[in-house]
Amino acid sequence: MKPFFNLNINYTKRIYGLDILRSVAILIVMLGHCAPLLNESDFQDFPYISLLDGVELFFVLSGYLIGGILIKEIDNGDFKLKQLLNFWKRRWFRTLPNYYLILIINILLVSYNIIPGKPENISADFFLFLQNFRKPFTDFFWESWSLCVEEWFYIFFGLGILISMKLFKPITAYVVCTILLILLPLFYRISISYQDVNEFWWDVIFRKTVLCRLDAIGYGALAAYLHLRFPYYWIKYKIFLLLISMPLLIYWPYLDININGWFAKTLSFSVIPLFCSLLLPFFSDMKQGKGKVFMFFTITSVLSYSLYLINLSLVEQIIEVHLKINGILSYGLFWLTCYLVAFLLYTLYEKPLMDLRDKT
């Protein structure tokens, strides 16, 4: 059976369970972003349930995969500056071309008043991933906040391991840096938790700044260490850990947490990544699948980065601002357009650049 999108996917090299998690993450993000299209329609508030923040899953998955790559480099016994630079090169070939392309398109669309946004909020910081390093940003290319967290994690984690190796054994350096990147953002959130905020400012200050959120990826990196160093227990307790984590992750969005409470500004951002990481033993052991559902999750996973970049500003906002059509029609158009544009972006731009990366 051939997929309806010809993405030339090598299914044997993919882990189906991780594709499921990545697909669920992007689908949750997209469901949140396109919800306004159903306002004042018979389907308003669809899917009628509260969902976990999909970005948290992205963060944990990223830390798990990055951590696995770095541990294997360390185990090869030759993790030095050359290997770190190669790691960065491969990550940036994967992330930067798409990001800069969509950033420039966003600048043009906002400048010509095609999508909402304030041109005065556009700055060089967006090209250096500094727009939300310590302070929040608003009213332009909102979805870029999580990419900044990712990029700075690559830098801090890789450099931290390299420097720590002067004091510790390589794998100990990895563990030390992981623990620091879990604890330091928590301490930073505690240090600024005195601020009184409403829901909007809680979101952009505590949830969407780099220094507050690096620990979310750190939990994934810790999971990678536990997997590779304790594989027997990783598999043995996968069902148990799944049964612990799933109820909390499902119930969490329904909790009524005081935005101005100490917990909401500090430990709440540790709980979800921790419990998301408990999903990894079960899903990382789900190697292969079959059928149309398998194909859908795998294709969605492959397209997830492109989908993330284009779904809000380049699709939802254009439909919402410029098309005056029935809610369900605009909603269907959103999903169709997102997948089509992501497919084109991946096949014509993202994949060729990754192929170039693999040749250099």
Foldseek 3Di string as FASTA:
>chain_A
DDDPFPPVDPQQPFQLLLLLLLLVLLVLVLCVQQQVLCPPHPQRPPVVADAFHSLLSVLLSLLQVLLLVVVVVVVVVDQAPVNLVLSLLLVCLQPVVLQVVLQVVQLVCCVVVLFWFDNVQDDCCSVVLNQQQQHFGDGGQVLCLSVSLVNVLSVQLSVQLNVCVVPDRNVVSNVVSLVCQQPQLLVVLLVPLVDDDDPVCLCRRQVRHNSNQNNSNSLSSVLNVCCVVPVPVLQVCLVVLCVVLVVCNRCVSVDDDDSSDSCVRHVVSVVNSNSSSSNCSVSSVNGDDDDDVSSVSNLSSLLSSQLSSCLNGPQSRSCVPPPDDNSVVSSVVSVVVSSVRSSCCCNVPNVVSSVVSVVD
